[in-house]
Amino acid sequence: MSTWRNAPATVEPVRALVRRPASTAAFDTQRFAVPEQLRPWFAYLWTVDWDRRGAEPLTSTVITYPALHLTAEDGDPGEVRHGVVLPATLLHGSGTHVFRITLSGTGSVVGARFTPGGFAAWTGVDAAALTDRAALVGELLPRFAGTHERTAGLGPGERAAAFTAGLTEHRAAAPADDDLTELVRRMEQDATLVRVEQVATLSGWSARTLQRRFRANLGVSPKWALARFRLQEAALALEQDPGVDLSALAVELGWYDQAHLTNAFRRLLGETPAQYAARARPPS
């Protein structure tokens, strides 16, 4: 199984992870490629491990993607995470708010991120039923309920391998929606896409079809996904260059002016772009 790793020495900003340079030493995260037979449904596997014993708890914040995940999670005895007593195997829907988690004690997670067109096809579940929530996998996919037992106590690579083995044994409910997966990739990467009308034209689908496919597969609207991608880009630009021209950045990413960018940023993160930029880098 191939792997790529965000090494502790790496302090460059990472898209969607808020102020990564200040938290890079707090946890170890790795990504693993999925086998070819799973790629229509899964983008990659990932692991996170931390040991904060003797250190202050640290809160990590992510500007979430329109994406769903299957995870096996472990932690300190009796720990409650996502409203569930650990260890547990969970399905996570798309989150319309930022994702915040406080790391303390010891813990680990192994997860698989679904492709935009993969979740509903692989599970047979409407993604909208999971928006802004995490559910015990046994509620929807009972055969995966014990996944965390098979991955407990293993290192990152071994956890990913054990997790993958379970995925390959599952028969997908339907072929993945590859057209949607490619469309969402274009939306993420093309900063000139700022309006739903552009996305509808690009896809060749009607506005109603576009809305329906996003809701069933991702649990969010195409308008929300566009706005989230552009906010991720704005945050990354501020971390890379805290002195960036905010007026120009706002217009470039599709806001009417700097005030509209500021309002969107404040609603999401509770601070203005200027405040975010000032805190983006760790103290020297």
C-alpha atoms as a PDB file:
ATOM      1  CA  MET A   1       0.000   0.000   0.000  1.00  0.00           C
ATOM      2  CA  SER A   2       1.500   3.332  -1.036  1.00  0.00           C
ATOM      3  CA  THR A   3       1.590   6.189   1.440  1.00  0.00           C
ATOM      4  CA  TRP A   4       2.385   9.867   1.630  1.00  0.00           C
ATOM      5  CA  ARG A   5       2.905  11.705   4.861  1.00  0.00           C
ATOM      6  CA  ASN A   6       2.606  15.175   6.331  1.00  0.00           C
ATOM      7  CA  ALA A   7       5.885  14.951   8.256  1.00  0.00           C
ATOM      8  CA  PRO A   8       6.248  16.810  11.570  1.00  0.00           C
ATOM      9  CA  ALA A   9       9.011  18.941  10.048  1.00  0.00           C
ATOM     10  CA  THR A  10       6.592  20.327   7.467  1.00  0.00           C
ATOM     11  CA  VAL A  11       5.300  23.722   8.556  1.00  0.00           C
ATOM     12  CA  GLU A  12       3.860  25.023   5.295  1.00  0.00           C
ATOM     13  CA  PRO A  13       0.151  25.893   5.338  1.00  0.00           C
ATOM     14  CA  VAL A  14      -2.222  23.171   4.151  1.00  0.00           C
ATOM     15  CA  ARG A  15      -5.502  23.930   2.443  1.00  0.00           C
ATOM     16  CA  ALA A  16      -8.503  23.648   4.788  1.00  0.00           C
ATOM     17  CA  LEU A  17      -6.411  23.029   7.934  1.00  0.00           C
ATOM     18  CA  VAL A  18      -6.496  26.227   9.950  1.00  0.00           C
ATOM     19  CA  ARG A  19      -3.095  27.532  11.081  1.00  0.00           C
ATOM     20  CA  ARG A  20      -1.300  24.240  10.480  1.00  0.00           C
ATOM     21  CA  PRO A  21       2.160  25.728  11.153  1.00  0.00           C
ATOM     22  CA  ALA A  22       1.141  26.277  14.775  1.00  0.00           C
ATOM     23  CA  SER A  23      -0.135  22.720  15.295  1.00  0.00           C
ATOM     24  CA  THR A  24       2.072  20.586  13.081  1.00  0.00           C
ATOM     25  CA  ALA A  25       3.932  18.961  16.004  1.00  0.00           C
ATOM     26  CA  ALA A  26       0.751  18.059  17.900  1.00  0.00           C
ATOM     27  CA  PHE A  27      -0.216  15.046  15.798  1.00  0.00           C
ATOM     28  CA  ASP A  28       1.047  12.707  13.111  1.00  0.00           C
ATOM     29  CA  THR A  29      -1.067  12.332   9.974  1.00  0.00           C
ATOM     30  CA  GLN A  30      -0.539  10.086   6.983  1.00  0.00           C
ATOM     31  CA  ARG A  31      -2.437   9.370   3.793  1.00  0.00           C
ATOM     32  CA  PHE A  32      -2.605   6.076   1.939  1.00  0.00           C
ATOM     33  CA  ALA A  33      -3.641   5.369  -1.633  1.00  0.00           C
ATOM     34  CA  VAL A  34      -6.583   3.010  -2.041  1.00  0.00           C
ATOM     35  CA  PRO A  35      -6.387  -0.095  -4.243  1.00  0.00           C
ATOM     36  CA  GLU A  36      -7.453   0.434  -7.832  1.00  0.00           C
ATOM     37  CA  GLN A  37     -10.699  -1.495  -7.402  1.00  0.00           C
ATOM     38  CA  LEU A  38     -11.845   0.992  -4.725  1.00  0.00           C
ATOM     39  CA  ARG A  39     -10.887   4.229  -6.474  1.00  0.00           C
ATOM     40  CA  PRO A  40     -14.273   5.024  -8.018  1.00  0.00           C
ATOM     41  CA  TRP A  41     -15.751   5.162  -4.493  1.00  0.00           C
ATOM     42  CA  PHE A  42     -12.838   6.282  -2.279  1.00  0.00           C
ATOM     43  CA  ALA A  43     -10.349   9.135  -2.698  1.00  0.00           C
ATOM     44  CA  TYR A  44      -7.797   7.968  -0.122  1.00  0.00           C
ATOM     45  CA  LEU A  45      -7.301   6.545   3.354  1.00  0.00           C
ATOM     46  CA  TRP A  46      -5.872   8.611   6.208  1.00  0.00           C
ATOM     47  CA  THR A  47      -4.620   8.142   9.730  1.00  0.00           C
ATOM     48  CA  VAL A  48      -4.112  10.534  12.635  1.00  0.00           C
ATOM     49  CA  ASP A  49      -2.252   9.709  15.864  1.00  0.00           C
ATOM     50  CA  TRP A  50      -1.510  11.889  18.880  1.00  0.00           C
ATOM     51  CA  ASP A  51      -0.069  11.652  22.360  1.00  0.00           C
ATOM     52  CA  ARG A  52      -0.734  14.785  24.417  1.00  0.00           C
ATOM     53  CA  ARG A  53       0.055  13.265  27.789  1.00  0.00           C
ATOM     54  CA  GLY A  54       1.897  15.884  29.817  1.00  0.00           C
ATOM     55  CA  ALA A  55       0.935  18.618  27.331  1.00  0.00           C
ATOM     56  CA  GLU A  56      -1.920  21.093  27.167  1.00  0.00           C
ATOM     57  CA  PRO A  57      -4.952  20.066  25.071  1.00  0.00           C
ATOM     58  CA  LEU A  58      -4.839  21.508  21.557  1.00  0.00           C
ATOM     59  CA  THR A  59      -7.810  22.383  19.347  1.00  0.00           C
ATOM     60  CA  SER A  60      -7.450  21.646  15.640  1.00  0.00           C
ATOM     61  CA  THR A  61      -9.779  23.364  13.152  1.00  0.00           C
ATOM     62  CA  VAL A  62     -10.623  22.289   9.604  1.00  0.00           C
ATOM     63  CA  ILE A  63     -12.588  24.264   7.005  1.00  0.00           C
ATOM     64  CA  THR A  64     -14.475  21.185   5.903  1.00  0.00           C
ATOM     65  CA  TYR A  65     -14.778  19.896   2.367  1.00  0.00           C
ATOM     66  CA  PRO A  66     -18.016  18.644   0.843  1.00  0.00           C
ATOM     67  CA  ALA A  67     -17.019  15.056   1.659  1.00  0.00           C
ATOM     68  CA  LEU A  68     -18.107  12.055   3.691  1.00  0.00           C
ATOM     69  CA  HIS A  69     -15.857   9.708   5.669  1.00  0.00           C
ATOM     70  CA  LEU A  70     -15.889   6.259   7.239  1.00  0.00           C
ATOM     71  CA  THR A  71     -13.678   6.128  10.355  1.00  0.00           C
ATOM     72  CA  ALA A  72     -12.519   3.736  13.063  1.00  0.00           C
ATOM     73  CA  GLU A  73     -11.610   5.752  16.165  1.00  0.00           C
ATOM     74  CA  ASP A  74      -9.814   4.987  19.428  1.00  0.00           C
ATOM     75  CA  GLY A  75      -8.902   7.092  22.450  1.00  0.00           C
ATOM     76  CA  ASP A  76      -8.593   7.140  26.215  1.00  0.00           C
ATOM     77  CA  PRO A  77     -10.925   4.741  28.093  1.00  0.00           C
ATOM     78  CA  GLY A  78     -14.447   6.148  28.233  1.00  0.00           C
ATOM     79  CA  GLU A  79     -13.608   9.126  25.998  1.00  0.00           C
ATOM     80  CA  VAL A  80     -16.552  10.660  24.160  1.00  0.00           C
ATOM     81  CA  ARG A  81     -15.835  11.950  20.657  1.00  0.00           C
ATOM     82  CA  HIS A  82     -18.487  13.151  18.168  1.00  0.00           C
ATOM     83  CA  GLY A  83     -21.048  12.335  20.847  1.00  0.00           C
ATOM     84  CA  VAL A  84     -20.050   8.645  20.885  1.00  0.00           C
ATOM     85  CA  VAL A  85     -18.182   6.622  23.506  1.00  0.00           C
ATOM     86  CA  LEU A  86     -14.944   5.261  22.039  1.00  0.00           C
ATOM     87  CA  PRO A  87     -13.795   3.036  20.504  1.00  0.00           C
ATOM     88  CA  ALA A  88     -16.267   3.205  17.624  1.00  0.00           C
ATOM     89  CA  THR A  89     -16.699   3.027  13.871  1.00  0.00           C
ATOM     90  CA  LEU A  90     -18.507   6.038  12.416  1.00  0.00           C
ATOM     91  CA  LEU A  91     -19.923   7.480   9.224  1.00  0.00           C
ATOM     92  CA  HIS A  92     -19.386  11.254   8.978  1.00  0.00           C
ATOM     93  CA  GLY A  93     -21.558  13.394   6.733  1.00  0.00           C
ATOM     94  CA  SER A  94     -20.537  16.646   5.091  1.00  0.00           C
ATOM     95  CA  GLY A  95     -20.174  19.356   7.715  1.00  0.00           C
ATOM     96  CA  THR A  96     -21.529  22.787   6.926  1.00  0.00           C
ATOM     97  CA  HIS A  97     -19.628  24.337   9.847  1.00  0.00           C
ATOM     98  CA  VAL A  98     -15.925  24.267  10.551  1.00  0.00           C
ATOM     99  CA  PHE A  99     -14.779  21.040  12.184  1.00  0.00           C
ATOM    100  CA  ARG A 100     -13.078  21.503  15.544  1.00  0.00           C
ATOM    101  CA  ILE A 101     -11.609  18.802  17.712  1.00  0.00           C
ATOM    102  CA  THR A 102      -9.645  19.135  20.935  1.00  0.00           C
ATOM    103  CA  LEU A 103      -6.757  16.704  21.154  1.00  0.00           C
ATOM    104  CA  SER A 104      -5.845  15.493  24.631  1.00  0.00           C
ATOM    105  CA  GLY A 105      -4.508  12.289  26.109  1.00  0.00           C
ATOM    106  CA  THR A 106      -3.829   9.694  23.431  1.00  0.00           C
ATOM    107  CA  GLY A 107      -5.864   8.847  20.385  1.00  0.00           C
ATOM    108  CA  SER A 108      -5.903   7.521  16.868  1.00  0.00           C
ATOM    109  CA  VAL A 109      -8.164   7.449  13.840  1.00  0.00           C
ATOM    110  CA  VAL A 110      -8.092   5.607  10.555  1.00  0.00           C
ATOM    111  CA  GLY A 111     -10.536   6.711   7.911  1.00  0.00           C
ATOM    112  CA  ALA A 112     -11.488   6.598   4.279  1.00  0.00           C
ATOM    113  CA  ARG A 113     -12.689   9.656   2.415  1.00  0.00           C
ATOM    114  CA  PHE A 114     -15.344   8.938  -0.182  1.00  0.00           C
ATOM    115  CA  THR A 115     -15.123  10.474  -3.626  1.00  0.00           C
ATOM    116  CA  PRO A 116     -17.905  13.003  -4.304  1.00  0.00           C
ATOM    117  CA  GLY A 117     -19.738  10.413  -6.397  1.00  0.00           C
ATOM    118  CA  GLY A 118     -18.817   7.452  -4.222  1.00  0.00           C
ATOM    119  CA  PHE A 119     -20.690   7.567  -0.917  1.00  0.00           C
ATOM    120  CA  ALA A 120     -24.282   6.993  -2.018  1.00  0.00           C
ATOM    121  CA  ALA A 121     -23.211   4.426  -4.602  1.00  0.00           C
ATOM    122  CA  TRP A 122     -21.085   2.420  -2.171  1.00  0.00           C
ATOM    123  CA  THR A 123     -23.430   2.546   0.809  1.00  0.00           C
ATOM    124  CA  GLY A 124     -26.885   2.865  -0.754  1.00  0.00           C
ATOM    125  CA  VAL A 125     -27.520   5.688   1.750  1.00  0.00           C
ATOM    126  CA  ASP A 126     -28.726   9.215   0.907  1.00  0.00           C
ATOM    127  CA  ALA A 127     -25.887  11.545   1.952  1.00  0.00           C
ATOM    128  CA  ALA A 128     -28.368  14.220   3.053  1.00  0.00           C
ATOM    129  CA  ALA A 129     -29.341  11.979   5.978  1.00  0.00           C
ATOM    130  CA  LEU A 130     -25.856  12.490   7.450  1.00  0.00           C
ATOM    131  CA  THR A 131     -25.236  16.194   6.869  1.00  0.00           C
ATOM    132  CA  ASP A 132     -23.710  17.785   9.984  1.00  0.00           C
ATOM    133  CA  ARG A 133     -23.695  14.530  11.948  1.00  0.00           C
ATOM    134  CA  ALA A 134     -21.659  11.444  12.672  1.00  0.00           C
ATOM    135  CA  ALA A 135     -23.520   8.156  13.042  1.00  0.00           C
ATOM    136  CA  LEU A 136     -22.464   4.801  14.404  1.00  0.00           C
ATOM    137  CA  VAL A 137     -21.834   2.742  11.305  1.00  0.00           C
ATOM    138  CA  GLY A 138     -23.983  -0.075  12.681  1.00  0.00           C
ATOM    139  CA  GLU A 139     -27.062   2.098  12.162  1.00  0.00           C
ATOM    140  CA  LEU A 140     -26.530   2.099   8.397  1.00  0.00           C
ATOM    141  CA  LEU A 141     -23.905  -0.535   7.540  1.00  0.00           C
ATOM    142  CA  PRO A 142     -24.051  -3.173  10.287  1.00  0.00           C
ATOM    143  CA  ARG A 143     -21.318  -5.361   8.822  1.00  0.00           C
ATOM    144  CA  PHE A 144     -18.747  -2.619   9.529  1.00  0.00           C
ATOM    145  CA  ALA A 145     -19.732  -2.144  13.172  1.00  0.00           C
ATOM    146  CA  GLY A 146     -16.646  -3.961  14.502  1.00  0.00           C
ATOM    147  CA  THR A 147     -14.063  -2.303  12.271  1.00  0.00           C
ATOM    148  CA  HIS A 148     -12.473  -0.452  15.201  1.00  0.00           C
ATOM    149  CA  GLU A 149     -11.842  -3.805  16.905  1.00  0.00           C
ATOM    150  CA  ARG A 150      -9.803  -5.016  13.911  1.00  0.00           C
ATOM    151  CA  THR A 151      -7.694  -1.841  13.805  1.00  0.00           C
ATOM    152  CA  ALA A 152      -7.131  -1.307  17.550  1.00  0.00           C
ATOM    153  CA  GLY A 153      -3.515  -1.133  18.700  1.00  0.00           C
ATOM    154  CA  LEU A 154      -2.020  -1.152  15.205  1.00  0.00           C
ATOM    155  CA  GLY A 155       0.417   1.357  13.725  1.00  0.00           C
ATOM    156  CA  PRO A 156      -0.762   3.721  10.958  1.00  0.00           C
ATOM    157  CA  GLY A 157       0.199   1.504   8.013  1.00  0.00           C
ATOM    158  CA  GLU A 158      -1.186  -1.638   9.619  1.00  0.00           C
ATOM    159  CA  ARG A 159      -4.425   0.144  10.527  1.00  0.00           C
ATOM    160  CA  ALA A 160      -4.834   1.367   6.976  1.00  0.00           C
ATOM    161  CA  ALA A 161      -4.206  -2.128   5.607  1.00  0.00           C
ATOM    162  CA  ALA A 162      -6.728  -3.732   7.976  1.00  0.00           C
ATOM    163  CA  PHE A 163      -9.255  -1.006   7.180  1.00  0.00           C
ATOM    164  CA  THR A 164      -8.757  -1.477   3.446  1.00  0.00           C
ATOM    165  CA  ALA A 165      -9.256  -5.220   3.714  1.00  0.00           C
ATOM    166  CA  GLY A 166     -12.728  -4.625   5.107  1.00  0.00           C
ATOM    167  CA  LEU A 167     -13.589  -2.180   2.326  1.00  0.00           C
ATOM    168  CA  THR A 168     -12.593  -4.585  -0.435  1.00  0.00           C
ATOM    169  CA  GLU A 169     -14.933  -7.245   0.979  1.00  0.00           C
ATOM    170  CA  HIS A 170     -17.957  -4.963   0.589  1.00  0.00           C
ATOM    171  CA  ARG A 171     -20.019  -5.031  -2.594  1.00  0.00           C
ATOM    172  CA  ALA A 172     -20.926  -1.502  -3.660  1.00  0.00           C
ATOM    173  CA  ALA A 173     -24.624  -0.791  -4.045  1.00  0.00           C
ATOM    174  CA  ALA A 174     -24.109   0.902  -7.428  1.00  0.00           C
ATOM    175  CA  PRO A 175     -21.429   2.264  -9.780  1.00  0.00           C
ATOM    176  CA  ALA A 176     -19.878   5.510  -8.574  1.00  0.00           C
ATOM    177  CA  ASP A 177     -21.036   8.798 -10.089  1.00  0.00           C
ATOM    178  CA  ASP A 178     -17.724   9.534 -11.807  1.00  0.00           C
ATOM    179  CA  ASP A 179     -19.130  12.596 -13.600  1.00  0.00           C
ATOM    180  CA  LEU A 180     -19.969  14.222 -10.266  1.00  0.00           C
ATOM    181  CA  THR A 181     -16.547  13.353  -8.863  1.00  0.00           C
ATOM    182  CA  GLU A 182     -14.848  15.065 -11.789  1.00  0.00           C
ATOM    183  CA  LEU A 183     -17.161  18.081 -11.591  1.00  0.00           C
ATOM    184  CA  VAL A 184     -16.413  18.645  -7.900  1.00  0.00           C
ATOM    185  CA  ARG A 185     -12.690  18.327  -8.623  1.00  0.00           C
ATOM    186  CA  ARG A 186     -13.038  21.103 -11.215  1.00  0.00           C
ATOM    187  CA  MET A 187     -14.986  23.248  -8.761  1.00  0.00           C
ATOM    188  CA  GLU A 188     -12.246  22.872  -6.174  1.00  0.00           C
ATOM    189  CA  GLN A 189      -9.343  23.607  -8.505  1.00  0.00           C
ATOM    190  CA  ASP A 190     -10.768  26.300 -10.809  1.00  0.00           C
ATOM    191  CA  ALA A 191     -10.970  29.598  -8.905  1.00  0.00           C
ATOM    192  CA  THR A 192     -12.898  31.189 -11.795  1.00  0.00           C
ATOM    193  CA  LEU A 193     -15.921  29.016 -10.970  1.00  0.00           C
ATOM    194  CA  VAL A 194     -17.826  31.219  -8.541  1.00  0.00           C
ATOM    195  CA  ARG A 195     -21.487  30.853  -9.610  1.00  0.00           C
ATOM    196  CA  VAL A 196     -23.801  27.854  -9.785  1.00  0.00           C
ATOM    197  CA  GLU A 197     -24.785  28.838 -13.324  1.00  0.00           C
ATOM    198  CA  GLN A 198     -21.186  28.280 -14.406  1.00  0.00           C
ATOM    199  CA  VAL A 199     -21.185  24.841 -12.803  1.00  0.00           C
ATOM    200  CA  ALA A 200     -24.472  23.888 -14.485  1.00  0.00           C
ATOM    201  CA  THR A 201     -23.092  24.946 -17.867  1.00  0.00           C
ATOM    202  CA  LEU A 202     -19.881  23.026 -17.263  1.00  0.00           C
ATOM    203  CA  SER A 203     -21.741  19.864 -16.284  1.00  0.00           C
ATOM    204  CA  GLY A 204     -24.401  20.020 -18.972  1.00  0.00           C
ATOM    205  CA  TRP A 205     -27.039  19.241 -16.334  1.00  0.00           C
ATOM    206  CA  SER A 206     -30.124  21.239 -15.525  1.00  0.00           C
ATOM    207  CA  ALA A 207     -30.120  23.225 -12.291  1.00  0.00           C
ATOM    208  CA  ARG A 208     -32.593  20.731 -10.816  1.00  0.00           C
ATOM    209  CA  THR A 209     -30.432  17.718 -11.740  1.00  0.00           C
ATOM    210  CA  LEU A 210     -27.344  19.444 -10.355  1.00  0.00           C
ATOM    211  CA  GLN A 211     -29.068  20.106  -7.044  1.00  0.00           C
ATOM    212  CA  ARG A 212     -30.417  16.559  -6.835  1.00  0.00           C
ATOM    213  CA  ARG A 213     -27.075  14.881  -7.504  1.00  0.00           C
ATOM    214  CA  PHE A 214     -25.264  17.063  -4.981  1.00  0.00           C
ATOM    215  CA  ARG A 215     -27.859  16.444  -2.288  1.00  0.00           C
ATOM    216  CA  ALA A 216     -27.954  12.658  -2.778  1.00  0.00           C
ATOM    217  CA  ASN A 217     -24.185  12.207  -3.006  1.00  0.00           C
ATOM    218  CA  LEU A 218     -22.784  14.958  -0.769  1.00  0.00           C
ATOM    219  CA  GLY A 219     -25.666  16.209   1.335  1.00  0.00           C
ATOM    220  CA  VAL A 220     -24.991  19.854   0.434  1.00  0.00           C
ATOM    221  CA  SER A 221     -25.878  22.187  -2.417  1.00  0.00           C
ATOM    222  CA  PRO A 222     -23.555  23.133  -5.292  1.00  0.00           C
ATOM    223  CA  LYS A 223     -23.767  26.758  -4.127  1.00  0.00           C
ATOM    224  CA  TRP A 224     -22.520  25.771  -0.670  1.00  0.00           C
ATOM    225  CA  ALA A 225     -19.689  23.687  -2.149  1.00  0.00           C
ATOM    226  CA  LEU A 226     -18.518  26.577  -4.334  1.00  0.00           C
ATOM    227  CA  ALA A 227     -18.549  29.003  -1.409  1.00  0.00           C
ATOM    228  CA  ARG A 228     -16.639  26.556   0.791  1.00  0.00           C
ATOM    229  CA  PHE A 229     -13.910  25.967  -1.807  1.00  0.00           C
ATOM    230  CA  ARG A 230     -13.428  29.699  -2.266  1.00  0.00           C
ATOM    231  CA  LEU A 231     -13.267  30.260   1.517  1.00  0.00           C
ATOM    232  CA  GLN A 232     -10.613  27.553   1.742  1.00  0.00           C
ATOM    233  CA  GLU A 233      -8.640  29.369  -0.941  1.00  0.00           C
ATOM    234  CA  ALA A 234      -9.010  32.669   0.880  1.00  0.00           C
ATOM    235  CA  ALA A 235      -7.746  31.182   4.158  1.00  0.00           C
ATOM    236  CA  LEU A 236      -4.812  29.520   2.418  1.00  0.00           C
ATOM    237  CA  ALA A 237      -3.889  32.759   0.649  1.00  0.00           C
ATOM    238  CA  LEU A 238      -3.899  34.598   3.997  1.00  0.00           C
ATOM    239  CA  GLU A 239      -1.634  31.983   5.571  1.00  0.00           C
ATOM    240  CA  GLN A 240       0.776  32.042   2.646  1.00  0.00           C
ATOM    241  CA  ASP A 241       0.860  35.839   2.466  1.00  0.00           C
ATOM    242  CA  PRO A 242      -0.662  37.644   5.476  1.00  0.00           C
ATOM    243  CA  GLY A 243      -0.166  40.928   3.621  1.00  0.00           C
ATOM    244  CA  VAL A 244      -2.245  39.947   0.585  1.00  0.00           C
ATOM    245  CA  ASP A 245      -4.521  42.654  -0.837  1.00  0.00           C
ATOM    246  CA  LEU A 246      -7.907  41.704   0.623  1.00  0.00           C
ATOM    247  CA  SER A 247      -9.913  43.752  -1.861  1.00  0.00           C
ATOM    248  CA  ALA A 248      -8.241  42.065  -4.811  1.00  0.00           C
ATOM    249  CA  LEU A 249      -8.507  38.637  -3.188  1.00  0.00           C
ATOM    250  CA  ALA A 250     -12.226  39.099  -2.579  1.00  0.00           C
ATOM    251  CA  VAL A 251     -12.964  39.977  -6.196  1.00  0.00           C
ATOM    252  CA  GLU A 252     -10.694  37.239  -7.530  1.00  0.00           C
ATOM    253  CA  LEU A 253     -12.561  34.592  -5.533  1.00  0.00           C
ATOM    254  CA  GLY A 254     -16.033  35.774  -6.480  1.00  0.00           C
ATOM    255  CA  TRP A 255     -17.154  38.109  -3.689  1.00  0.00           C
ATOM    256  CA  TYR A 256     -18.638  41.465  -4.614  1.00  0.00           C
ATOM    257  CA  ASP A 257     -16.113  43.316  -2.461  1.00  0.00           C
ATOM    258  CA  GLN A 258     -13.915  42.999   0.622  1.00  0.00           C
ATOM    259  CA  ALA A 259     -16.851  43.590   2.977  1.00  0.00           C
ATOM    260  CA  HIS A 260     -18.671  40.533   1.613  1.00  0.00           C
ATOM    261  CA  LEU A 261     -15.543  38.396   2.025  1.00  0.00           C
ATOM    262  CA  THR A 262     -15.141  39.690   5.581  1.00  0.00           C
ATOM    263  CA  ASN A 263     -18.733  38.813   6.462  1.00  0.00           C
ATOM    264  CA  ALA A 264     -18.429  35.288   5.025  1.00  0.00           C
ATOM    265  CA  PHE A 265     -15.136  34.742   6.809  1.00  0.00           C
ATOM    266  CA  ARG A 266     -16.475  35.991  10.136  1.00  0.00           C
ATOM    267  CA  ARG A 267     -19.576  33.788   9.907  1.00  0.00           C
ATOM    268  CA  LEU A 268     -17.427  30.709   9.329  1.00  0.00           C
ATOM    269  CA  LEU A 269     -14.432  31.258  11.593  1.00  0.00           C
ATOM    270  CA  GLY A 270     -15.539  33.942  14.027  1.00  0.00           C
ATOM    271  CA  GLU A 271     -12.820  36.397  12.953  1.00  0.00           C
ATOM    272  CA  THR A 272     -12.109  38.759  10.082  1.00  0.00           C
ATOM    273  CA  PRO A 273      -9.591  37.964   7.331  1.00  0.00           C
ATOM    274  CA  ALA A 274      -7.244  40.553   8.829  1.00  0.00           C
ATOM    275  CA  GLN A 275      -7.441  38.934  12.247  1.00  0.00           C
ATOM    276  CA  TYR A 276      -6.905  35.516  10.698  1.00  0.00           C
ATOM    277  CA  ALA A 277      -3.840  36.696   8.817  1.00  0.00           C
ATOM    278  CA  ALA A 278      -2.349  38.179  11.961  1.00  0.00           C
ATOM    279  CA  ARG A 279      -2.626  34.836  13.748  1.00  0.00           C
ATOM    280  CA  ALA A 280      -1.776  32.604  10.793  1.00  0.00           C
ATOM    281  CA  ARG A 281       1.899  32.189  11.551  1.00  0.00           C
ATOM    282  CA  PRO A 282       3.330  30.784  14.787  1.00  0.00           C
ATOM    283  CA  PRO A 283       5.321  33.227  16.909  1.00  0.00           C
ATOM    284  CA  SER A 284       8.954  33.499  15.894  1.00  0.00           C
END
